[in-house]
Amino acid sequence: MPELPEVETITRLLNHPADRVFNYSHPTCSRPGVIGCNICSCDVLWERTIAKPDAKSFCVRLINQSIREITRRGKFIQFKLDHGFMVCHLRMSGDIRVEPDQPETIQKHDRILLHFENGSRLVFNDPRKFGRVWLVDDPQTVFGGLGPDPFSSEVTPVRLLEMLHNRKRTIKTILLDQSFLAGLGNIYTDEALHRARIHPLQRSDTLSMEEAERLLKSIHEVLMEGITRNGASIDWVYRGGDFQNYFKVYQRTGQPCYTCGSPIERIVHGQRGTHFCPNCQKKR
C-alpha cells in the first residue's frame, strides 16, 4: 500500500508534471498540467471506485469545474475545486497520473478519467479496485477520524509521549493506527522503530521521554528519506523511487543487521508482517 512518502511523491508529480508533455498556452490553464484547467468531461469506468456520491452525480458536479490546489492529508490526496473537494485514497494499488488526453493510451486498469480543455487528462488507475474517490463539500467528512500528520508542529516529543501513554497498546499497532498519526504504514513503521531502537511489541505506555524523542526523530528521518527517494517500489503496481534499496529491516528477514550483524527477524503481529533486529531493538 502506498504510504506517506509514496502519496507525497504522487502529489508532487501532479503539481509539477513534465514540462515537455503539456500545452501551457490554453487560456483556461493557469499552471502546467491540470491546475486551473476546466474539466470538460468525465468517464467512470468502474463505478465502485466512487465512494460518494453516485457515479452520475460525480461527473455532473465535476464538469466545468477546475482544480485549484492539490495537497496531501495522511495517505489521502485532496483536490480543491472551484466548489467542493475531490478526495482520493489509493488503498493497495491505486495511482494517479496526468497525461495527454489520447484515447489509444487508456490502460487496462484505468477507473476514472477527467478530461480537461487544455488537452490533458487526470487518470485514477487501480488494478486491485480497492481505491476510492469522494466528491464532498467538506473534506473533514472523509478526514474526520485521522490523527495529526507526523510533520505537524503539534506533534512534539512531549505531546507524542502523552499520546503514547494514553493508548496502552504495542507501539507497532499504535503507529499503524491512522487515528494516532496519519500516513505511517508497515514499511516506514518498521524502519522508524529500528532507527529508534524500540522493539515493535514494546507497550506504548512504557516508553520514556528519551525514547519518545528518538522515535519522533526517527519517524521524521525515515519519512524524509522516503520522500527524497520518491518512495519505495516494492510492489509492481507502484511506479515509484528506490527507497527499497535502503531498507534496514523491512523485507530483510535473516539478513545481517547493518548496525550489529544479528539476523533480522520477522514476526506476525496484528496480522501484519513485522521486521526488527532482536539485538538493537530489545524488548523491555
Protein backbone atom coordinates (compact mmCIF):
# COMPACT_ATOMS: atom_id res chain seq x y z
CA MET A 1 0.00 0.00 0.00
CA PRO A 2 1.36 3.45 -0.81
CA GLU A 3 2.32 5.21 2.43
CA LEU A 4 3.02 8.86 3.18
CA PRO A 5 6.23 9.16 1.07
CA GLU A 6 4.65 7.46 -1.94
CA VAL A 7 1.48 9.57 -1.70
CA GLU A 8 3.58 12.71 -1.25
CA THR A 9 5.59 11.77 -4.34
CA ILE A 10 2.45 11.35 -6.43
CA THR A 11 1.05 14.65 -5.11
CA ARG A 12 4.23 16.46 -6.13
CA LEU A 13 4.16 14.87 -9.58
CA LEU A 14 0.56 16.01 -10.04
CA ASN A 15 1.55 19.54 -9.12
CA HIS A 16 4.64 19.57 -11.34
CA PRO A 17 4.22 17.26 -14.36
CA ALA A 18 6.91 17.03 -17.02
CA ASP A 19 7.18 20.31 -18.92
CA ARG A 20 7.53 18.64 -22.30
CA VAL A 21 4.17 16.84 -22.15
CA PHE A 22 1.61 19.62 -22.00
CA ASN A 23 0.43 22.69 -23.84
CA TYR A 24 0.51 25.57 -21.36
CA SER A 25 -0.89 28.24 -23.66
CA HIS A 26 -4.53 27.24 -23.26
CA PRO A 27 -6.48 30.17 -21.72
CA THR A 28 -8.19 28.03 -19.07
CA CYS A 29 -4.92 26.67 -17.69
CA SER A 30 -3.05 28.77 -15.13
CA ARG A 31 -0.29 26.23 -14.44
CA PRO A 32 1.35 23.19 -16.07
CA GLY A 33 -0.75 20.05 -16.25
CA VAL A 34 -4.26 20.38 -14.85
CA ILE A 35 -4.08 23.09 -12.15
CA GLY A 36 -6.56 25.83 -13.04
CA CYS A 37 -7.92 23.99 -16.08
CA ASN A 38 -11.62 23.40 -16.76
CA ILE A 39 -12.91 19.84 -16.65
CA CYS A 40 -14.90 19.32 -19.85
CA SER A 41 -15.96 15.68 -19.35
CA CYS A 42 -15.62 12.71 -17.03
CA ASP A 43 -15.62 8.94 -17.59
CA VAL A 44 -16.12 6.47 -14.74
CA LEU A 45 -15.02 3.04 -15.94
CA TRP A 46 -15.52 1.27 -12.57
CA GLU A 47 -18.42 2.81 -10.64
CA ARG A 48 -17.48 1.28 -7.29
CA THR A 49 -14.36 3.44 -7.26
CA ILE A 50 -16.69 6.35 -6.42
CA ALA A 51 -17.43 6.27 -2.69
CA LYS A 52 -19.62 9.39 -2.73
CA PRO A 53 -21.88 10.48 -4.47
CA ASP A 54 -23.10 8.11 -7.21
CA ALA A 55 -21.10 7.97 -10.43
CA LYS A 56 -23.54 10.05 -12.49
CA SER A 57 -23.73 12.84 -9.92
CA PHE A 58 -19.96 12.71 -9.56
CA CYS A 59 -19.45 13.50 -13.24
CA VAL A 60 -22.20 16.12 -13.43
CA ARG A 61 -20.77 18.03 -10.47
CA LEU A 62 -17.23 17.99 -11.86
CA ILE A 63 -17.94 19.30 -15.36
CA ASN A 64 -16.97 22.97 -15.83
CA GLN A 65 -15.11 23.00 -12.52
CA SER A 66 -11.34 23.43 -12.24
CA ILE A 67 -8.73 22.09 -9.84
CA ARG A 68 -7.33 24.91 -7.71
CA GLU A 69 -4.91 23.04 -5.46
CA ILE A 70 -3.59 19.50 -4.91
CA THR A 71 -2.41 18.55 -1.42
CA ARG A 72 -1.83 15.50 0.77
CA ARG A 73 -3.50 14.60 4.07
CA GLY A 74 -2.07 11.41 5.56
CA LYS A 75 -2.43 8.82 2.79
CA PHE A 76 -5.16 10.82 1.05
CA ILE A 77 -4.76 13.16 -1.94
CA GLN A 78 -7.03 16.19 -1.85
CA PHE A 79 -8.08 18.19 -4.91
CA LYS A 80 -9.54 21.58 -4.07
CA LEU A 81 -12.11 22.52 -6.73
CA ASP A 82 -13.99 25.70 -7.54
CA HIS A 83 -16.80 24.23 -5.46
CA GLY A 84 -16.02 21.40 -3.07
CA PHE A 85 -13.25 18.84 -2.89
CA MET A 86 -12.33 15.60 -4.60
CA VAL A 87 -10.54 13.26 -2.19
CA CYS A 88 -8.70 10.10 -3.27
CA HIS A 89 -7.32 7.17 -1.31
CA LEU A 90 -5.04 4.84 -3.27
CA ARG A 91 -5.51 1.88 -0.89
CA MET A 92 -3.49 -1.18 -2.01
CA SER A 93 -2.66 -0.42 -5.62
CA GLY A 94 -4.05 2.95 -6.70
CA ASP A 95 -2.15 5.52 -8.72
CA ILE A 96 -2.99 8.91 -10.25
CA ARG A 97 -1.32 10.31 -13.32
CA VAL A 98 -1.60 13.33 -15.60
CA GLU A 99 -1.06 12.80 -19.32
CA PRO A 100 -2.10 13.95 -22.79
CA ASP A 101 -5.73 13.03 -23.49
CA GLN A 102 -5.31 10.33 -26.15
CA PRO A 103 -7.95 7.56 -26.35
CA GLU A 104 -5.47 4.96 -27.60
CA THR A 105 -3.38 5.26 -24.40
CA ILE A 106 -6.14 4.30 -21.95
CA GLN A 107 -4.81 1.47 -19.79
CA LYS A 108 -6.50 -1.75 -18.68
CA HIS A 109 -6.89 -0.75 -15.03
CA ASP A 110 -7.89 2.90 -15.50
CA ARG A 111 -11.02 3.53 -13.40
CA ILE A 112 -11.74 7.29 -13.66
CA LEU A 113 -10.79 9.73 -16.42
CA LEU A 114 -11.12 13.51 -16.04
CA HIS A 115 -10.73 15.31 -19.38
CA PHE A 116 -9.53 18.93 -19.44
CA GLU A 117 -9.98 21.67 -22.01
CA ASN A 118 -6.22 22.04 -22.47
CA GLY A 119 -5.95 18.53 -23.94
CA SER A 120 -4.73 16.75 -20.82
CA ARG A 121 -6.44 14.28 -18.54
CA LEU A 122 -6.19 13.07 -14.95
CA VAL A 123 -6.44 9.29 -14.53
CA PHE A 124 -7.15 7.20 -11.44
CA ASN A 125 -5.68 3.73 -12.07
CA ASP A 126 -6.20 0.82 -9.69
CA PRO A 127 -5.53 -2.84 -10.63
CA ARG A 128 -6.99 -4.27 -7.40
CA LYS A 129 -10.05 -1.99 -7.33
CA PHE A 130 -9.71 -1.09 -3.63
CA GLY A 131 -9.03 2.63 -4.17
CA ARG A 132 -11.83 5.11 -3.51
CA VAL A 133 -12.72 8.66 -4.54
CA TRP A 134 -15.07 11.08 -2.76
CA LEU A 135 -16.60 14.33 -4.01
CA VAL A 136 -17.63 16.34 -0.96
CA ASP A 137 -18.29 19.88 0.19
CA ASP A 138 -16.16 19.46 3.31
CA PRO A 139 -13.11 17.14 3.29
CA GLN A 140 -13.43 16.67 7.04
CA THR A 141 -16.31 14.31 6.33
CA VAL A 142 -13.60 12.00 4.98
CA PHE A 143 -10.66 13.07 7.20
CA GLY A 144 -12.56 13.37 10.47
CA GLY A 145 -11.05 10.27 12.06
CA LEU A 146 -7.45 10.97 11.08
CA GLY A 147 -4.77 11.82 13.60
CA PRO A 148 -2.22 14.59 13.04
CA ASP A 149 0.38 14.46 10.29
CA PRO A 150 3.76 13.21 11.59
CA PHE A 151 5.31 16.50 10.44
CA SER A 152 2.71 18.64 12.23
CA SER A 153 4.11 21.20 14.64
CA GLU A 154 1.64 19.99 17.25
CA VAL A 155 3.41 16.62 17.43
CA THR A 156 6.28 17.44 19.79
CA PRO A 157 8.18 14.79 21.79
CA VAL A 158 6.22 15.77 24.89
CA ARG A 159 2.90 15.53 23.05
CA LEU A 160 3.89 12.24 21.44
CA LEU A 161 4.73 10.75 24.83
CA GLU A 162 1.33 11.82 26.16
CA MET A 163 -0.38 10.24 23.16
CA LEU A 164 1.58 7.01 23.57
CA HIS A 165 0.84 6.74 27.31
CA ASN A 166 -2.86 7.30 26.68
CA ARG A 167 -3.16 4.33 24.31
CA LYS A 168 -1.51 1.43 26.22
CA ARG A 169 -1.00 -0.83 23.21
CA THR A 170 2.04 -2.19 21.40
CA ILE A 171 3.97 0.56 19.67
CA LYS A 172 3.76 -1.13 16.25
CA THR A 173 -0.03 -1.36 16.45
CA ILE A 174 -0.38 2.27 17.51
CA LEU A 175 1.86 3.67 14.76
CA LEU A 176 -0.21 1.83 12.14
CA ASP A 177 -3.41 3.36 13.53
CA GLN A 178 -4.33 6.28 11.28
CA SER A 179 -6.27 7.91 14.09
CA PHE A 180 -2.99 8.20 16.01
CA LEU A 181 -0.69 9.54 13.27
CA ALA A 182 -1.87 9.84 9.67
CA GLY A 183 0.40 8.42 6.98
CA LEU A 184 2.54 5.68 8.51
CA GLY A 185 2.25 2.13 7.21
CA ASN A 186 4.09 -1.15 7.62
CA ILE A 187 7.30 -0.17 5.81
CA TYR A 188 8.05 3.13 7.47
CA THR A 189 6.88 1.97 10.90
CA ASP A 190 9.35 -0.93 10.89
CA GLU A 191 12.14 1.31 9.62
CA ALA A 192 11.44 4.06 12.17
CA LEU A 193 11.27 1.66 15.12
CA HIS A 194 14.59 0.12 14.11
CA ARG A 195 16.23 3.51 13.81
CA ALA A 196 14.84 4.46 17.24
CA ARG A 197 15.99 1.13 18.75
CA ILE A 198 12.49 0.29 20.00
CA HIS A 199 11.04 -3.22 19.91
CA PRO A 200 7.77 -3.32 17.90
CA LEU A 201 5.98 -5.18 20.71
CA GLN A 202 7.00 -2.69 23.40
CA ARG A 203 3.95 -1.31 25.22
CA SER A 204 3.37 2.32 24.32
CA ASP A 205 2.74 3.37 27.92
CA THR A 206 6.19 2.10 28.98
CA LEU A 207 8.18 4.37 26.68
CA SER A 208 10.36 7.02 28.29
CA MET A 209 10.77 10.65 27.29
CA GLU A 210 14.11 9.80 25.70
CA GLU A 211 12.53 7.03 23.65
CA ALA A 212 9.71 9.32 22.51
CA GLU A 213 12.28 11.85 21.34
CA ARG A 214 14.21 9.17 19.45
CA LEU A 215 11.03 7.80 17.93
CA LEU A 216 9.77 11.14 16.63
CA LYS A 217 13.19 11.99 15.23
CA SER A 218 13.37 8.56 13.54
CA ILE A 219 9.88 8.90 12.07
CA HIS A 220 10.82 12.26 10.56
CA GLU A 221 14.14 10.96 9.21
CA VAL A 222 12.68 7.81 7.66
CA LEU A 223 9.76 9.65 6.05
CA MET A 224 12.01 12.40 4.69
CA GLU A 225 14.43 9.86 3.24
CA GLY A 226 11.49 8.05 1.66
CA ILE A 227 10.23 11.29 0.12
CA THR A 228 13.71 12.23 -1.10
CA ARG A 229 13.99 8.84 -2.81
CA ASN A 230 10.46 9.16 -4.28
CA GLY A 231 9.13 6.36 -2.13
CA ALA A 232 9.67 2.61 -2.27
CA SER A 233 8.91 0.42 -5.29
CA ILE A 234 8.32 -2.97 -3.73
CA ASP A 235 5.00 -3.67 -5.43
CA TRP A 236 4.60 -3.92 -9.18
CA VAL A 237 1.63 -1.57 -9.10
CA TYR A 238 3.59 1.39 -7.72
CA ARG A 239 5.75 3.40 -10.13
CA GLY A 240 7.97 4.98 -7.54
CA GLY A 241 11.50 5.51 -6.38
CA ASP A 242 14.30 3.46 -4.89
CA PHE A 243 13.95 3.65 -1.11
CA GLN A 244 13.57 -0.16 -1.15
CA ASN A 245 17.32 -0.31 -1.82
CA TYR A 246 17.97 1.38 1.53
CA PHE A 247 15.76 -0.64 3.89
CA LYS A 248 17.44 -1.52 7.18
CA VAL A 249 14.95 -4.18 8.33
CA TYR A 250 11.85 -4.31 6.13
CA GLN A 251 11.83 -7.49 3.97
CA ARG A 252 15.37 -8.35 5.12
CA THR A 253 14.46 -11.46 7.16
CA GLY A 254 17.56 -13.48 8.00
CA GLN A 255 19.97 -10.92 6.63
CA PRO A 256 22.51 -9.28 8.95
CA CYS A 257 21.60 -6.04 10.69
CA TYR A 258 23.71 -3.21 9.28
CA THR A 259 24.33 -1.98 12.83
CA CYS A 260 25.24 -5.11 14.81
CA GLY A 261 25.27 -8.02 12.35
CA SER A 262 22.47 -10.00 14.04
CA PRO A 263 19.96 -11.68 11.68
CA ILE A 264 16.83 -9.62 11.08
CA GLU A 265 13.73 -11.38 12.38
CA ARG A 266 10.16 -11.35 11.11
CA ILE A 267 7.08 -11.94 13.22
CA VAL A 268 3.37 -11.50 12.51
CA HIS A 269 1.70 -9.00 14.81
CA GLY A 270 -1.80 -7.70 14.33
CA GLN A 271 -1.92 -9.67 11.06
CA ARG A 272 0.99 -7.63 9.73
CA GLY A 273 4.49 -8.82 8.97
CA THR A 274 6.90 -7.04 11.33
CA HIS A 275 10.66 -6.84 10.84
CA PHE A 276 13.20 -5.94 13.53
CA CYS A 277 16.67 -6.60 14.90
CA PRO A 278 16.44 -8.62 18.16
CA ASN A 279 19.75 -7.18 19.37
CA CYS A 280 19.32 -3.49 18.52
CA GLN A 281 15.62 -3.48 19.48
CA LYS A 282 15.47 -5.29 22.81
CA LYS A 283 12.05 -5.54 24.41
CA ARG A 284 11.88 -4.27 27.98
